[in-house]
Amino acid sequence: MYQFINGSIRQGSSAQTHDVVNPATGAIVATVDLANEDDVDSAVAAARAAFPAWARTPPGERSAILHRFAAILSERAEEFAQIESSQTGKPLRLTRNFDVPGTIDNVEFFAGAARHLEGKATGEYSPEHTSSIRREAIGVIGSITPWNYPLQMAGWKILPAIAAGNTIVLKPAEITPLTSVMFAQALHDAGLPPGVVNVLVGTGTEVGAALMAHGDVDMVSFTGSTAVGRTVMEAAAATTKRVHLELGGKAPFVVFEDADVDAAVHGAVAGSLINSGQDCTAATRAIVHRSVYQEFTDKLAERFRDIRLGMQEDDGADIGSLVSFKHRDHVAGMVERARGYAKVIAGGDIPTDGALAQGAFYPATLVIDAAPESEIVKDEVFGPVLVVLPFDDDDEAIRLANDTVYGLAASAWTSDLQKALRATREIHAGCVWVNDHIPIISEMPHGGFKQSGFGKDMSAYSLEEYTQVKHVMFELTGAAEKDWHRTIFALR
C-alpha cells in the first residue's frame, strides 16, 4: 500500500500496480498500487478538512513539528539514502552526501522560516485609517514532483506550503515514489495532524490531471518539463488557480578568455555530470572564448574519458545509471543524431559488457562543432552530455548564453570583475553563478525566467508563493460621513 491519505497508508483504488525498478540492475525494488480519481477526491477532501485548523495553528507549533521532523530524518538518514539510491540509480555517495543532508537542511530552514512571515508595517497611510497587512495561507495545494530528485523535490514542495499554513496533496513520479511516501509518514510521526500532507502514487494522465483540475484545489505547483507545464497551466486556468512552475533548463557555462581554465574544466565536470546530468540546472552548453577553446576542450575531453560509471554501492564510481532504460535511450538517441552534424569526442556509447550492460548506464559525453541552432544545443538532453561552443567577443558570449527559450541557471567563469558583473546582469536566468556551477543553499531561491517557469522554491521567497496578501484597514474617526463620500453623492 503506497497512498498516504489523512494520516495513514492506504491502498490505491485503481486495482493497477506499478513496478519500481532499480535502473542500475533492472531488479524490482517494490511493486506499488496506483491511485485513481477517487483517491484524488479523498486526499483533497482530507486536505480541505485539515486546512482551517492547520492555518490557525501558531507558527511556533508548526516550527516545533518541523524541528522534530528534522530529527527523525537525521536518525533515518541511511534508510532514506538507501531507498533513494535504489529507486533512482544514484550512487549512495550522492544520496548520503547531497540528497538526504540537503533535505534535512531544508527542513531545518523552514522550521525557522515558519516563524518569520513578513509584511508591510502597520501604519496610517491615510489620515483617517490604519492599514495593516496579513499574509495568509492559500488553502489546498496540489503538487507534482519529478523523478530526478524525489526526496528533495518532496521537501521543496511540502515544506514551504505547510510552513505557511497550507495543506497539500503531492503526486510524485510513479517511477520513483518511495521516499516521498516515507517523507509524509515521517512528518506524521513528528506530530503533523492528519490531512495536512497527503501523497498519491499514480500516473500523470489520471491522478496528475485530476489533481490539477480539481475544483477544491486552490493552487498548483509543478516541477518537470516545459511541455507538461503548459498543460498544467491550461488545467489550472479552468478554475483560476494560482500556478507555480519550475520547468526545463539549458544552462550556459560561459568561459571568458581570462578564466582559470583548470578551474573551469573541473567545474564543468561537476556542473554537467551531477546526478548523471539529470538536473535542470546542470551545465549543458559550455560557451568558451576561442583563445582558450582548444585547451579547455582537450582537458575536458580527457577528464570525461576518465569518468567511471558504477553501481550505487561503488565508492569509486563517479556517476550512476540514468533513471530508466527509456530515458537512457532518449539520451543516446539525441547523441546519435548529433553525430550527423557534430563531433562526439568523448563517451557516446552505451556500455555493452559486464554489469553495466544490465543497467541504464550512459557515459559522460562531450560534443563539439555543433551549430547553435542544432538539436543538441537547443533541446534538453537531461543526461551526462555537454556541448562546447566557441565565441569571439563578450557580446557574442552573452548572445549565445541567452539564445534559448529557457532561463533557469547559468554560470560565468572569469577573473575580471567587470565581465562578471556584466554576465550576472545580462544573462537571463533565475540564478547566475560566478566561477562555480550548481551549488544551492536553503536560504537562497531557486526558480527560472522565460520558459523555465515562474515562482521560487526554497528560501523565504518560496513562502511568498504559498501565501496571499490581505490588506486590512481600520477607520479611526468614527464619523458617519467621510469626506470622500462627496465623490459619490452630495453631502448635506
Protein backbone atom coordinates (compact mmCIF):
# COMPACT_ATOMS: atom_id res chain seq x y z
CA MET A 1 0.00 0.00 0.00
CA TYR A 2 1.55 3.31 -1.07
CA GLN A 3 -1.09 6.02 -0.79
CA PHE A 4 -0.75 8.33 2.22
CA ILE A 5 -4.13 9.94 2.85
CA ASN A 6 -5.37 11.64 6.00
CA GLY A 7 -2.52 10.40 8.14
CA SER A 8 -2.48 6.73 7.14
CA ILE A 9 -1.19 4.40 4.46
CA ARG A 10 -3.91 3.12 2.15
CA GLN A 11 -4.21 1.02 -0.95
CA GLY A 12 -4.89 2.76 -4.25
CA SER A 13 -8.35 2.35 -5.74
CA SER A 14 -7.32 1.73 -9.34
CA ALA A 15 -6.62 -2.04 -8.98
CA GLN A 16 -3.47 -1.37 -11.02
CA THR A 17 0.13 -1.70 -9.87
CA HIS A 18 3.50 -0.40 -10.99
CA ASP A 19 6.94 -1.94 -10.52
CA VAL A 20 9.57 0.43 -9.15
CA VAL A 21 12.79 -0.71 -10.81
CA ASN A 22 16.40 -0.17 -9.79
CA PRO A 23 17.71 1.18 -13.11
CA ALA A 24 21.29 0.18 -12.29
CA THR A 25 20.40 -3.52 -12.14
CA GLY A 26 16.95 -3.93 -13.64
CA ALA A 27 15.74 -5.51 -10.38
CA ILE A 28 12.29 -4.71 -8.99
CA VAL A 29 12.61 -2.69 -5.79
CA ALA A 30 8.90 -2.53 -4.94
CA THR A 31 5.52 -3.04 -6.51
CA VAL A 32 3.22 -0.15 -5.73
CA ASP A 33 -0.52 0.09 -6.08
CA LEU A 34 -1.75 3.06 -8.07
CA ALA A 35 -4.29 5.70 -7.16
CA ASN A 36 -7.14 6.92 -9.33
CA GLU A 37 -9.54 9.88 -9.35
CA ASP A 38 -11.43 8.53 -6.34
CA ASP A 39 -8.22 8.73 -4.31
CA VAL A 40 -7.67 12.27 -5.54
CA ASP A 41 -11.11 13.20 -4.22
CA SER A 42 -10.34 11.52 -0.87
CA ALA A 43 -6.95 13.19 -0.49
CA VAL A 44 -8.23 16.63 -1.46
CA ALA A 45 -11.17 16.26 0.92
CA ALA A 46 -8.76 15.33 3.73
CA ALA A 47 -6.58 18.34 2.94
CA ARG A 48 -9.62 20.64 2.79
CA ALA A 49 -10.91 19.39 6.14
CA ALA A 50 -7.50 19.82 7.78
CA PHE A 51 -6.87 23.31 6.39
CA PRO A 52 -8.83 25.56 8.81
CA ALA A 53 -7.20 24.17 11.94
CA TRP A 54 -3.72 24.00 10.41
CA ALA A 55 -3.94 27.55 9.05
CA ARG A 56 -4.80 28.73 12.60
CA THR A 57 -2.00 26.71 14.21
CA PRO A 58 0.51 29.18 15.68
CA PRO A 59 3.77 29.40 13.73
CA GLY A 60 5.71 28.24 16.77
CA GLU A 61 3.79 24.96 16.82
CA ARG A 62 4.34 24.41 13.10
CA SER A 63 8.03 25.13 13.67
CA ALA A 64 8.26 22.63 16.53
CA ILE A 65 6.80 19.86 14.37
CA LEU A 66 9.32 20.59 11.62
CA HIS A 67 12.20 20.56 14.12
CA ARG A 68 11.05 17.13 15.34
CA PHE A 69 10.78 16.03 11.73
CA ALA A 70 14.37 17.10 11.04
CA ALA A 71 15.50 14.95 13.96
CA ILE A 72 13.60 11.93 12.61
CA LEU A 73 15.15 12.37 9.16
CA SER A 74 18.60 12.60 10.71
CA GLU A 75 18.03 9.38 12.64
CA ARG A 76 16.79 7.62 9.49
CA ALA A 77 19.25 9.22 7.09
CA GLU A 78 20.85 5.98 5.93
CA GLU A 79 17.47 4.36 5.29
CA PHE A 80 16.35 7.29 3.16
CA ALA A 81 19.70 7.32 1.31
CA GLN A 82 19.43 3.60 0.52
CA ILE A 83 15.86 3.79 -0.76
CA GLU A 84 16.52 6.97 -2.77
CA SER A 85 19.50 5.28 -4.41
CA SER A 86 17.66 2.05 -5.16
CA GLN A 87 14.77 3.73 -6.99
CA THR A 88 16.84 6.21 -8.99
CA GLY A 89 20.17 4.52 -9.71
CA LYS A 90 22.08 7.31 -7.93
CA PRO A 91 25.36 6.40 -6.24
CA LEU A 92 25.00 6.14 -2.48
CA ARG A 93 27.76 8.72 -2.24
CA LEU A 94 25.35 11.24 -3.79
CA THR A 95 22.28 10.34 -1.75
CA ARG A 96 24.26 10.19 1.50
CA ASN A 97 26.13 13.45 0.95
CA PHE A 98 23.71 15.55 -1.05
CA ASP A 99 20.09 14.40 -1.34
CA VAL A 100 19.45 13.48 2.29
CA PRO A 101 21.56 16.15 4.03
CA GLY A 102 20.17 18.78 1.68
CA THR A 103 16.63 17.75 2.56
CA ILE A 104 17.34 17.83 6.29
CA ASP A 105 18.83 21.31 5.94
CA ASN A 106 15.73 22.42 4.05
CA VAL A 107 13.51 21.14 6.88
CA GLU A 108 15.57 23.00 9.45
CA PHE A 109 15.41 26.18 7.39
CA PHE A 110 11.63 26.10 7.08
CA ALA A 111 11.28 25.23 10.75
CA GLY A 112 12.76 28.66 11.39
CA ALA A 113 11.12 30.44 8.45
CA ALA A 114 7.67 29.37 9.65
CA ARG A 115 8.05 31.92 12.44
CA HIS A 116 9.20 34.79 10.23
CA LEU A 117 6.47 35.64 7.73
CA GLU A 118 6.95 39.29 6.89
CA GLY A 119 4.54 42.04 5.87
CA LYS A 120 4.47 45.80 5.47
CA ALA A 121 4.48 47.71 8.75
CA THR A 122 1.13 48.75 10.19
CA GLY A 123 0.62 52.48 9.77
CA GLU A 124 -1.57 55.41 8.76
CA TYR A 125 -1.22 55.72 5.02
CA SER A 126 -4.47 57.71 5.02
CA PRO A 127 -5.05 60.26 7.84
CA GLU A 128 -8.34 58.64 8.86
CA HIS A 129 -7.30 54.99 8.67
CA THR A 130 -4.81 52.49 10.00
CA SER A 131 -3.71 49.85 7.49
CA SER A 132 -2.05 46.53 8.13
CA ILE A 133 -1.07 43.54 6.02
CA ARG A 134 -1.99 39.95 6.72
CA ARG A 135 -0.09 37.23 4.90
CA GLU A 136 -2.42 34.24 4.86
CA ALA A 137 -2.26 30.66 3.68
CA ILE A 138 -3.83 29.95 0.30
CA GLY A 139 -5.58 26.67 1.06
CA VAL A 140 -5.14 23.25 -0.54
CA ILE A 141 -2.05 22.90 -2.73
CA GLY A 142 -1.82 20.29 -5.48
CA SER A 143 1.82 19.47 -6.32
CA ILE A 144 3.52 17.22 -8.85
CA THR A 145 7.21 16.36 -8.50
CA PRO A 146 9.72 14.83 -10.96
CA TRP A 147 11.81 11.68 -10.78
CA ASN A 148 15.32 13.15 -10.72
CA TYR A 149 15.38 14.24 -7.04
CA PRO A 150 12.34 12.54 -5.48
CA LEU A 151 13.21 13.23 -1.85
CA GLN A 152 14.47 16.77 -2.28
CA MET A 153 11.58 17.73 -4.54
CA ALA A 154 9.09 16.42 -1.98
CA GLY A 155 10.76 18.73 0.51
CA TRP A 156 10.82 21.71 -1.84
CA LYS A 157 7.07 21.41 -2.39
CA ILE A 158 5.79 20.30 1.00
CA LEU A 159 7.90 22.35 3.41
CA PRO A 160 7.12 25.95 2.35
CA ALA A 161 3.48 25.03 1.79
CA ILE A 162 2.89 23.68 5.28
CA ALA A 163 5.20 26.18 6.99
CA ALA A 164 2.92 28.89 5.63
CA GLY A 165 -0.20 27.13 6.92
CA ASN A 166 -1.43 25.34 3.79
CA THR A 167 -2.33 21.71 3.35
CA ILE A 168 -1.09 19.72 0.38
CA VAL A 169 -1.68 16.75 -1.90
CA LEU A 170 1.56 15.64 -3.57
CA LYS A 171 1.89 13.35 -6.57
CA PRO A 172 5.46 12.10 -7.03
CA ALA A 173 6.64 10.50 -10.25
CA GLU A 174 5.28 6.96 -10.20
CA ILE A 175 8.68 5.52 -11.17
CA THR A 176 10.33 6.98 -8.02
CA PRO A 177 7.63 7.38 -5.34
CA LEU A 178 9.06 5.56 -2.35
CA THR A 179 10.88 8.29 -0.41
CA SER A 180 8.03 10.76 -0.96
CA VAL A 181 5.64 8.42 0.87
CA MET A 182 8.27 7.84 3.56
CA PHE A 183 8.66 11.63 3.89
CA ALA A 184 4.93 12.09 4.53
CA GLN A 185 4.81 9.22 7.03
CA ALA A 186 7.79 10.64 8.93
CA LEU A 187 6.10 14.06 9.08
CA HIS A 188 3.06 12.39 10.63
CA ASP A 189 5.35 10.63 13.11
CA ALA A 190 6.70 14.07 14.05
CA GLY A 191 3.21 15.18 15.04
CA LEU A 192 1.79 16.68 11.86
CA PRO A 193 -2.02 16.45 12.02
CA PRO A 194 -3.78 14.04 9.64
CA GLY A 195 -4.74 15.50 6.29
CA VAL A 196 -2.13 18.27 6.24
CA VAL A 197 0.16 16.27 3.91
CA ASN A 198 -1.16 13.61 1.56
CA VAL A 199 0.78 11.67 -1.09
CA LEU A 200 -0.78 9.89 -4.06
CA VAL A 201 1.13 7.45 -6.24
CA GLY A 202 -0.42 7.37 -9.68
CA THR A 203 0.03 8.28 -13.31
CA GLY A 204 0.19 11.82 -14.57
CA THR A 205 -2.55 11.28 -17.09
CA GLU A 206 -5.05 10.18 -14.44
CA VAL A 207 -4.01 11.30 -10.97
CA GLY A 208 -1.94 14.29 -12.01
CA ALA A 209 -4.55 15.60 -14.38
CA ALA A 210 -7.35 15.12 -11.83
CA LEU A 211 -5.36 16.89 -9.14
CA MET A 212 -4.52 19.89 -11.32
CA ALA A 213 -8.13 20.32 -12.44
CA HIS A 214 -9.77 19.64 -9.08
CA GLY A 215 -12.20 22.39 -8.09
CA ASP A 216 -11.22 22.23 -4.41
CA VAL A 217 -7.50 22.71 -5.06
CA ASP A 218 -6.53 26.36 -4.63
CA MET A 219 -3.02 26.33 -6.09
CA VAL A 220 -0.98 24.00 -8.28
CA SER A 221 2.78 23.60 -8.15
CA PHE A 222 4.63 21.57 -10.76
CA THR A 223 8.25 20.71 -11.44
CA GLY A 224 9.02 18.99 -14.72
CA SER A 225 9.21 19.59 -18.44
CA THR A 226 8.08 22.81 -20.08
CA ALA A 227 5.69 20.89 -22.34
CA VAL A 228 3.84 19.36 -19.38
CA GLY A 229 4.00 22.70 -17.57
CA ARG A 230 1.87 24.20 -20.33
CA THR A 231 -0.82 21.57 -19.77
CA VAL A 232 -0.74 22.30 -16.04
CA MET A 233 -1.38 25.98 -16.76
CA GLU A 234 -4.27 25.08 -19.05
CA ALA A 235 -5.84 22.84 -16.40
CA ALA A 236 -5.41 25.49 -13.71
CA ALA A 237 -6.97 28.18 -15.88
CA ALA A 238 -10.38 26.49 -15.75
CA THR A 239 -10.74 27.34 -12.05
CA THR A 240 -8.30 30.30 -11.95
CA LYS A 241 -5.86 28.62 -9.60
CA ARG A 242 -2.58 30.16 -8.64
CA VAL A 243 0.22 28.40 -10.55
CA HIS A 244 3.86 27.77 -9.58
CA LEU A 245 6.11 26.18 -12.21
CA GLU A 246 9.75 25.07 -12.23
CA LEU A 247 10.40 23.74 -15.72
CA GLY A 248 13.21 22.87 -18.10
CA GLY A 249 16.67 24.34 -18.47
CA LYS A 250 19.58 24.53 -20.87
CA ALA A 251 22.17 26.20 -18.68
CA PRO A 252 25.06 28.07 -20.32
CA PHE A 253 28.55 27.73 -18.85
CA VAL A 254 30.42 30.80 -20.13
CA VAL A 255 34.24 30.70 -20.01
CA PHE A 256 35.88 34.06 -20.74
CA GLU A 257 39.45 34.38 -22.03
CA ASP A 258 40.83 35.37 -18.61
CA ALA A 259 39.25 32.45 -16.74
CA ASP A 260 41.25 29.90 -14.78
CA VAL A 261 40.91 27.13 -17.37
CA ASP A 262 41.73 24.30 -14.98
CA ALA A 263 39.12 25.51 -12.51
CA ALA A 264 36.58 25.88 -15.33
CA VAL A 265 37.28 22.35 -16.55
CA HIS A 266 36.85 20.98 -13.04
CA GLY A 267 33.65 22.99 -12.65
CA ALA A 268 32.31 21.77 -15.99
CA VAL A 269 32.80 18.15 -14.97
CA ALA A 270 30.91 18.63 -11.71
CA GLY A 271 28.32 21.00 -13.13
CA SER A 272 27.38 18.87 -16.11
CA LEU A 273 27.57 15.40 -14.57
CA ILE A 274 25.88 15.82 -11.18
CA ASN A 275 23.11 13.24 -10.86
CA SER A 276 24.27 11.82 -14.21
CA GLY A 277 23.29 15.12 -15.80
CA GLN A 278 19.65 14.65 -14.79
CA ASP A 279 19.39 18.11 -13.32
CA CYS A 280 17.53 21.06 -14.82
CA THR A 281 20.30 23.43 -13.70
CA ALA A 282 23.16 21.25 -14.95
CA ALA A 283 25.71 22.84 -17.28
CA THR A 284 24.72 21.76 -20.79
CA ARG A 285 26.27 24.40 -23.09
CA ALA A 286 29.89 25.37 -22.48
CA ILE A 287 30.39 28.67 -24.31
CA VAL A 288 34.15 29.22 -24.43
CA HIS A 289 36.32 32.06 -25.73
CA ARG A 290 38.16 30.96 -28.84
CA SER A 291 41.56 31.80 -27.33
CA VAL A 292 41.13 29.08 -24.67
CA TYR A 293 38.65 26.88 -26.56
CA GLN A 294 41.16 24.20 -27.61
CA GLU A 295 42.84 23.99 -24.20
CA PHE A 296 39.50 23.78 -22.42
CA THR A 297 38.09 21.18 -24.82
CA ASP A 298 41.20 18.97 -24.74
CA LYS A 299 41.40 18.98 -20.95
CA LEU A 300 37.67 18.42 -20.56
CA ALA A 301 37.65 15.51 -23.02
CA GLU A 302 40.47 13.89 -21.04
CA ARG A 303 38.54 14.28 -17.80
CA PHE A 304 35.32 12.97 -19.35
CA ARG A 305 37.10 9.85 -20.62
CA ASP A 306 38.28 9.13 -17.06
CA ILE A 307 34.79 9.36 -15.53
CA ARG A 308 33.81 6.00 -14.07
CA LEU A 309 30.32 4.55 -14.27
CA GLY A 310 29.38 2.28 -11.41
CA MET A 311 26.81 0.65 -9.19
CA GLN A 312 25.26 2.52 -6.28
CA GLU A 313 27.49 1.00 -3.61
CA ASP A 314 30.73 1.51 -5.59
CA ASP A 315 32.55 4.34 -3.79
CA GLY A 316 34.96 4.61 -6.69
CA ALA A 317 32.23 5.35 -9.22
CA ASP A 318 31.79 8.92 -10.39
CA ILE A 319 28.26 8.68 -11.80
CA GLY A 320 25.49 6.10 -11.64
CA SER A 321 22.85 4.96 -14.06
CA LEU A 322 20.15 7.07 -15.62
CA VAL A 323 16.69 6.77 -14.11
CA SER A 324 15.31 4.27 -16.64
CA PHE A 325 16.14 2.37 -19.81
CA LYS A 326 13.62 4.51 -21.67
CA HIS A 327 15.38 7.67 -20.62
CA ARG A 328 18.80 6.23 -21.44
CA ASP A 329 17.59 5.51 -24.95
CA HIS A 330 16.28 9.07 -25.24
CA VAL A 331 19.71 10.46 -24.30
CA ALA A 332 21.52 8.05 -26.60
CA GLY A 333 19.18 8.93 -29.46
CA MET A 334 19.98 12.63 -29.20
CA VAL A 335 23.71 11.92 -29.23
CA GLU A 336 23.41 9.56 -32.19
CA ARG A 337 21.54 12.20 -34.18
CA ALA A 338 24.22 14.73 -33.25
CA ARG A 339 26.87 12.57 -34.93
CA GLY A 340 25.29 13.60 -38.21
CA TYR A 341 26.18 17.28 -37.75
CA ALA A 342 28.75 17.46 -34.91
CA LYS A 343 31.64 15.51 -33.35
CA VAL A 344 31.44 13.31 -30.26
CA ILE A 345 34.94 13.41 -28.77
CA ALA A 346 34.30 11.56 -25.51
CA GLY A 347 31.71 8.98 -24.49
CA GLY A 348 28.65 8.48 -26.62
CA ASP A 349 28.37 4.68 -26.43
CA ILE A 350 26.05 2.58 -24.27
CA PRO A 351 28.08 0.03 -22.23
CA THR A 352 27.82 -3.46 -23.71
CA ASP A 353 29.97 -5.51 -21.33
CA GLY A 354 29.71 -6.65 -17.72
CA ALA A 355 27.29 -5.48 -15.05
CA LEU A 356 26.94 -2.03 -16.59
CA ALA A 357 25.30 -3.55 -19.65
CA GLN A 358 22.44 -4.74 -17.43
CA GLY A 359 21.60 -1.23 -16.26
CA ALA A 360 20.53 2.09 -17.75
CA PHE A 361 24.06 3.47 -17.87
CA TYR A 362 25.34 6.14 -20.22
CA PRO A 363 28.87 7.60 -20.18
CA ALA A 364 29.98 11.20 -19.79
CA THR A 365 29.74 12.54 -23.33
CA LEU A 366 31.34 15.61 -24.90
CA VAL A 367 30.15 17.12 -28.19
CA ILE A 368 31.83 19.83 -30.28
CA ASP A 369 31.30 21.51 -33.67
CA ALA A 370 27.52 21.68 -33.26
CA ALA A 371 25.71 24.66 -34.78
CA PRO A 372 23.94 26.95 -32.28
CA GLU A 373 20.58 26.10 -33.83
CA SER A 374 21.07 22.30 -33.69
CA GLU A 375 19.03 19.94 -31.52
CA ILE A 376 21.86 19.03 -29.16
CA VAL A 377 22.38 22.75 -28.40
CA LYS A 378 18.74 23.84 -28.25
CA ASP A 379 16.86 20.96 -26.60
CA GLU A 380 17.10 19.46 -23.14
CA VAL A 381 19.08 16.20 -23.13
CA PHE A 382 18.81 15.65 -19.36
CA GLY A 383 21.77 13.32 -19.28
CA PRO A 384 25.58 13.38 -18.91
CA VAL A 385 26.09 15.28 -22.17
CA LEU A 386 27.88 18.62 -22.59
CA VAL A 387 28.28 20.53 -25.86
CA VAL A 388 31.05 23.10 -26.30
CA LEU A 389 30.66 26.22 -28.47
CA PRO A 390 33.29 28.91 -29.22
CA PHE A 391 32.80 32.68 -29.07
CA ASP A 392 34.96 35.63 -30.15
CA ASP A 393 33.84 38.58 -28.03
CA ASP A 394 31.78 39.29 -24.93
CA ASP A 395 28.72 40.42 -26.90
CA GLU A 396 28.63 37.08 -28.68
CA ALA A 397 29.06 35.21 -25.39
CA ILE A 398 26.04 36.91 -23.85
CA ARG A 399 24.01 36.44 -27.02
CA LEU A 400 24.79 32.70 -27.14
CA ALA A 401 24.06 32.32 -23.43
CA ASN A 402 20.62 33.88 -23.93
CA ASP A 403 19.92 32.05 -27.20
CA THR A 404 17.48 29.63 -25.57
CA VAL A 405 13.83 29.53 -24.56
CA TYR A 406 14.96 28.55 -21.07
CA GLY A 407 16.29 30.69 -18.25
CA LEU A 408 16.79 28.63 -15.13
CA ALA A 409 20.51 28.84 -14.36
CA ALA A 410 23.87 29.87 -15.81
CA SER A 411 27.47 30.42 -14.82
CA ALA A 412 30.26 32.79 -15.82
CA TRP A 413 33.94 31.99 -15.42
CA THR A 414 36.28 34.98 -15.28
CA SER A 415 38.81 36.82 -13.10
CA ASP A 416 37.57 40.18 -14.42
CA LEU A 417 35.07 41.85 -12.10
CA GLN A 418 33.54 43.88 -14.93
CA LYS A 419 32.93 40.79 -17.05
CA ALA A 420 31.38 39.04 -14.07
CA LEU A 421 29.10 41.95 -13.29
CA ARG A 422 28.01 42.21 -16.91
CA ALA A 423 27.31 38.48 -17.14
CA THR A 424 25.24 38.43 -13.95
CA ARG A 425 23.29 41.46 -15.17
CA GLU A 426 22.71 40.45 -18.80
CA ILE A 427 22.29 36.66 -18.74
CA HIS A 428 18.57 35.97 -18.43
CA ALA A 429 18.37 33.25 -15.79
CA GLY A 430 17.00 32.83 -12.29
CA CYS A 431 20.46 32.06 -10.92
CA VAL A 432 23.88 33.06 -12.25
CA TRP A 433 26.93 31.60 -10.53
CA VAL A 434 30.38 33.15 -10.90
CA ASN A 435 33.33 30.73 -11.01
CA ASP A 436 31.15 27.83 -9.89
CA HIS A 437 28.15 25.94 -11.20
CA ILE A 438 25.36 24.05 -9.38
CA PRO A 439 25.61 24.76 -5.62
CA ILE A 440 22.29 25.51 -3.95
CA ILE A 441 21.53 26.63 -0.42
CA SER A 442 18.29 26.64 1.53
CA GLU A 443 18.47 30.37 2.24
CA MET A 444 18.51 31.37 -1.45
CA PRO A 445 15.70 30.98 -4.03
CA HIS A 446 15.60 28.57 -6.94
CA GLY A 447 13.42 29.34 -9.95
CA GLY A 448 13.58 30.43 -13.55
CA PHE A 449 12.88 33.01 -16.20
CA LYS A 450 11.22 32.58 -19.62
CA GLN A 451 10.05 29.02 -20.39
CA SER A 452 11.81 27.70 -17.30
CA GLY A 453 8.70 28.79 -15.40
CA PHE A 454 7.95 31.22 -12.60
CA GLY A 455 7.90 31.19 -8.85
CA LYS A 456 10.60 30.23 -6.36
CA ASP A 457 11.47 27.11 -4.41
CA MET A 458 13.49 27.21 -1.20
CA SER A 459 14.29 30.39 0.78
CA ALA A 460 11.89 32.86 2.36
CA TYR A 461 10.84 33.85 -1.15
CA SER A 462 9.08 30.50 -1.55
CA LEU A 463 6.85 31.36 1.41
CA GLU A 464 5.55 34.24 -0.69
CA GLU A 465 4.47 31.72 -3.32
CA TYR A 466 2.37 29.87 -0.77
CA THR A 467 0.72 32.86 0.89
CA GLN A 468 -1.66 35.59 -0.22
CA VAL A 469 -1.58 39.18 0.92
CA LYS A 470 -4.63 40.75 2.54
CA HIS A 471 -4.96 44.45 3.25
CA VAL A 472 -6.88 45.26 6.46
CA MET A 473 -7.98 48.90 7.01
CA PHE A 474 -9.46 50.38 10.20
CA GLU A 475 -11.38 53.69 10.14
CA LEU A 476 -10.18 55.89 13.02
CA THR A 477 -12.53 58.87 13.36
CA GLY A 478 -15.89 57.25 13.99
CA ALA A 479 -17.55 59.81 11.70
CA ALA A 480 -20.54 58.57 9.73
CA GLU A 481 -19.87 60.95 6.86
CA LYS A 482 -16.46 60.70 5.25
CA ASP A 483 -15.03 63.44 3.08
CA TRP A 484 -14.51 61.04 0.21
CA HIS A 485 -18.28 60.32 0.13
CA ARG A 486 -18.77 63.60 -1.76
CA THR A 487 -17.34 61.89 -4.83
CA ILE A 488 -20.41 59.64 -4.81
CA PHE A 489 -23.23 61.86 -3.51
CA ALA A 490 -23.76 65.38 -2.24
CA LEU A 491 -23.04 65.78 1.46
CA ARG A 492 -25.68 67.84 3.32
